[in-house]
Amino acid sequence: METKENGSVDTKSSVENGQLSDPAHWAVADVVNYFKATGFEEQATAFQDQEIDGKSLLLMTRNDVLTGLSIKLGPALKIYEYHVKPLQTQHLKSNVS
């Protein structure tokens, strides 16, 4: 994983062994780039506006995503179910001893 001068993690090198690096280490720009790369270009700005970094992303609840980001319900549901929840699960599994 490579850290840029601005402190963000280079998303191109954030894939380790075919999996994403631990989101807990992502800067706001990494979160934004992740959602842009997964097809949520328009909604990614909401994460920037709310200054959601990786640690914040891992703490988000369904309600936070659906109401706190001020994005349309359809994309918000997909973002939570297909991205936020799996990232949280992956983080928890990788940090269990």
C-alpha atoms as a PDB file:
ATOM      1  CA  MET A   1       0.000   0.000   0.000  1.00  0.00           C
ATOM      2  CA  GLU A   2       1.379   3.391  -0.974  1.00  0.00           C
ATOM      3  CA  THR A   3       0.664   6.620   0.879  1.00  0.00           C
ATOM      4  CA  LYS A   4       0.552   9.840  -1.134  1.00  0.00           C
ATOM      5  CA  GLU A   5       1.848  13.212   0.011  1.00  0.00           C
ATOM      6  CA  ASN A   6      -1.671  14.303   1.041  1.00  0.00           C
ATOM      7  CA  GLY A   7      -1.950  11.292   3.353  1.00  0.00           C
ATOM      8  CA  SER A   8      -4.412   9.354   1.216  1.00  0.00           C
ATOM      9  CA  VAL A   9      -3.756   5.778   0.219  1.00  0.00           C
ATOM     10  CA  ASP A  10      -3.182   5.080  -3.456  1.00  0.00           C
ATOM     11  CA  THR A  11      -6.310   3.128  -4.376  1.00  0.00           C
ATOM     12  CA  LYS A  12      -4.506   1.357  -7.217  1.00  0.00           C
ATOM     13  CA  SER A  13      -2.182  -0.250  -4.706  1.00  0.00           C
ATOM     14  CA  SER A  14      -4.813  -0.662  -1.980  1.00  0.00           C
ATOM     15  CA  VAL A  15      -5.595  -4.148  -3.265  1.00  0.00           C
ATOM     16  CA  GLU A  16      -3.637  -6.772  -1.398  1.00  0.00           C
ATOM     17  CA  ASN A  17      -3.907 -10.467  -2.296  1.00  0.00           C
ATOM     18  CA  GLY A  18      -6.959  -9.731  -4.417  1.00  0.00           C
ATOM     19  CA  GLN A  19      -8.721  -7.913  -1.583  1.00  0.00           C
ATOM     20  CA  LEU A  20      -9.021  -4.252  -0.680  1.00  0.00           C
ATOM     21  CA  SER A  21      -6.753  -2.930   2.026  1.00  0.00           C
ATOM     22  CA  ASP A  22      -8.302  -2.329   5.435  1.00  0.00           C
ATOM     23  CA  PRO A  23     -10.762   0.569   5.055  1.00  0.00           C
ATOM     24  CA  ALA A  24      -9.794   1.765   8.546  1.00  0.00           C
ATOM     25  CA  HIS A  25      -6.673   3.212   6.920  1.00  0.00           C
ATOM     26  CA  TRP A  26      -8.498   5.067   4.120  1.00  0.00           C
ATOM     27  CA  ALA A  27      -8.514   8.862   3.916  1.00  0.00           C
ATOM     28  CA  VAL A  28     -11.628  10.747   2.748  1.00  0.00           C
ATOM     29  CA  ALA A  29     -10.227  10.779  -0.811  1.00  0.00           C
ATOM     30  CA  ASP A  30      -9.890   6.983  -0.744  1.00  0.00           C
ATOM     31  CA  VAL A  31     -13.522   6.556   0.305  1.00  0.00           C
ATOM     32  CA  VAL A  32     -14.618   8.928  -2.464  1.00  0.00           C
ATOM     33  CA  ASN A  33     -12.457   7.109  -5.036  1.00  0.00           C
ATOM     34  CA  TYR A  34     -13.805   3.736  -3.907  1.00  0.00           C
ATOM     35  CA  PHE A  35     -17.406   4.799  -4.490  1.00  0.00           C
ATOM     36  CA  LYS A  36     -16.554   6.457  -7.803  1.00  0.00           C
ATOM     37  CA  ALA A  37     -14.838   3.245  -8.920  1.00  0.00           C
ATOM     38  CA  THR A  38     -17.865   1.149  -7.940  1.00  0.00           C
ATOM     39  CA  GLY A  39     -20.251   3.207 -10.073  1.00  0.00           C
ATOM     40  CA  PHE A  40     -21.503   5.762  -7.556  1.00  0.00           C
ATOM     41  CA  GLU A  41     -19.769   8.814  -9.031  1.00  0.00           C
ATOM     42  CA  GLU A  42     -22.626  11.189  -8.201  1.00  0.00           C
ATOM     43  CA  GLN A  43     -23.098   9.869  -4.651  1.00  0.00           C
ATOM     44  CA  ALA A  44     -19.357   9.856  -3.884  1.00  0.00           C
ATOM     45  CA  THR A  45     -19.439  13.612  -3.381  1.00  0.00           C
ATOM     46  CA  ALA A  46     -21.721  13.108  -0.372  1.00  0.00           C
ATOM     47  CA  PHE A  47     -18.915  11.221   1.376  1.00  0.00           C
ATOM     48  CA  GLN A  48     -16.551  14.092   0.566  1.00  0.00           C
ATOM     49  CA  ASP A  49     -19.044  16.715   1.810  1.00  0.00           C
ATOM     50  CA  GLN A  50     -19.547  14.844   5.080  1.00  0.00           C
ATOM     51  CA  GLU A  51     -15.788  14.144   5.450  1.00  0.00           C
ATOM     52  CA  ILE A  52     -16.278  10.375   5.712  1.00  0.00           C
ATOM     53  CA  ASP A  53     -12.923   8.642   5.994  1.00  0.00           C
ATOM     54  CA  GLY A  54     -12.398   4.899   6.345  1.00  0.00           C
ATOM     55  CA  LYS A  55     -12.855   4.817  10.106  1.00  0.00           C
ATOM     56  CA  SER A  56     -16.085   6.816   9.810  1.00  0.00           C
ATOM     57  CA  LEU A  57     -17.265   4.534   7.002  1.00  0.00           C
ATOM     58  CA  LEU A  58     -16.784   1.489   9.229  1.00  0.00           C
ATOM     59  CA  LEU A  59     -18.904   3.108  11.953  1.00  0.00           C
ATOM     60  CA  MET A  60     -21.823   4.029   9.686  1.00  0.00           C
ATOM     61  CA  THR A  61     -25.226   2.496  10.308  1.00  0.00           C
ATOM     62  CA  ARG A  62     -27.899   1.843   7.715  1.00  0.00           C
ATOM     63  CA  ASN A  63     -29.733   4.926   8.942  1.00  0.00           C
ATOM     64  CA  ASP A  64     -26.605   7.066   8.560  1.00  0.00           C
ATOM     65  CA  VAL A  65     -26.291   6.076   4.913  1.00  0.00           C
ATOM     66  CA  LEU A  66     -30.000   6.420   4.149  1.00  0.00           C
ATOM     67  CA  THR A  67     -30.566   9.767   5.844  1.00  0.00           C
ATOM     68  CA  GLY A  68     -27.258  11.326   6.857  1.00  0.00           C
ATOM     69  CA  LEU A  69     -25.732  11.612   3.400  1.00  0.00           C
ATOM     70  CA  SER A  70     -28.718  13.261   1.684  1.00  0.00           C
ATOM     71  CA  ILE A  71     -28.617  10.918  -1.294  1.00  0.00           C
ATOM     72  CA  LYS A  72     -31.527   9.259  -3.062  1.00  0.00           C
ATOM     73  CA  LEU A  73     -32.967   6.160  -1.408  1.00  0.00           C
ATOM     74  CA  GLY A  74     -32.218   3.695  -4.219  1.00  0.00           C
ATOM     75  CA  PRO A  75     -28.489   4.370  -4.441  1.00  0.00           C
ATOM     76  CA  ALA A  76     -28.260   4.705  -0.641  1.00  0.00           C
ATOM     77  CA  LEU A  77     -29.707   1.222  -0.131  1.00  0.00           C
ATOM     78  CA  LYS A  78     -27.274  -0.271  -2.661  1.00  0.00           C
ATOM     79  CA  ILE A  79     -24.318   1.581  -1.145  1.00  0.00           C
ATOM     80  CA  TYR A  80     -25.127   0.285   2.316  1.00  0.00           C
ATOM     81  CA  GLU A  81     -26.058  -3.306   1.439  1.00  0.00           C
ATOM     82  CA  TYR A  82     -23.455  -3.987  -1.244  1.00  0.00           C
ATOM     83  CA  HIS A  83     -20.553  -1.852  -0.065  1.00  0.00           C
ATOM     84  CA  VAL A  84     -20.637  -0.449   3.474  1.00  0.00           C
ATOM     85  CA  LYS A  85     -21.907  -3.615   5.170  1.00  0.00           C
ATOM     86  CA  PRO A  86     -19.479  -5.945   3.357  1.00  0.00           C
ATOM     87  CA  LEU A  87     -16.559  -3.598   4.100  1.00  0.00           C
ATOM     88  CA  GLN A  88     -17.534  -3.607   7.775  1.00  0.00           C
ATOM     89  CA  THR A  89     -17.772  -7.409   7.786  1.00  0.00           C
ATOM     90  CA  GLN A  90     -14.408  -7.750   6.010  1.00  0.00           C
ATOM     91  CA  HIS A  91     -12.813  -5.397   8.548  1.00  0.00           C
ATOM     92  CA  LEU A  92     -14.224  -7.323  11.495  1.00  0.00           C
ATOM     93  CA  LYS A  93     -13.118 -10.702  10.100  1.00  0.00           C
ATOM     94  CA  SER A  94      -9.603  -9.470   9.383  1.00  0.00           C
ATOM     95  CA  ASN A  95      -9.219  -8.076  12.916  1.00  0.00           C
ATOM     96  CA  VAL A  96     -10.400 -11.157  14.820  1.00  0.00           C
ATOM     97  CA  SER A  97      -7.510 -12.938  16.440  1.00  0.00           C
END
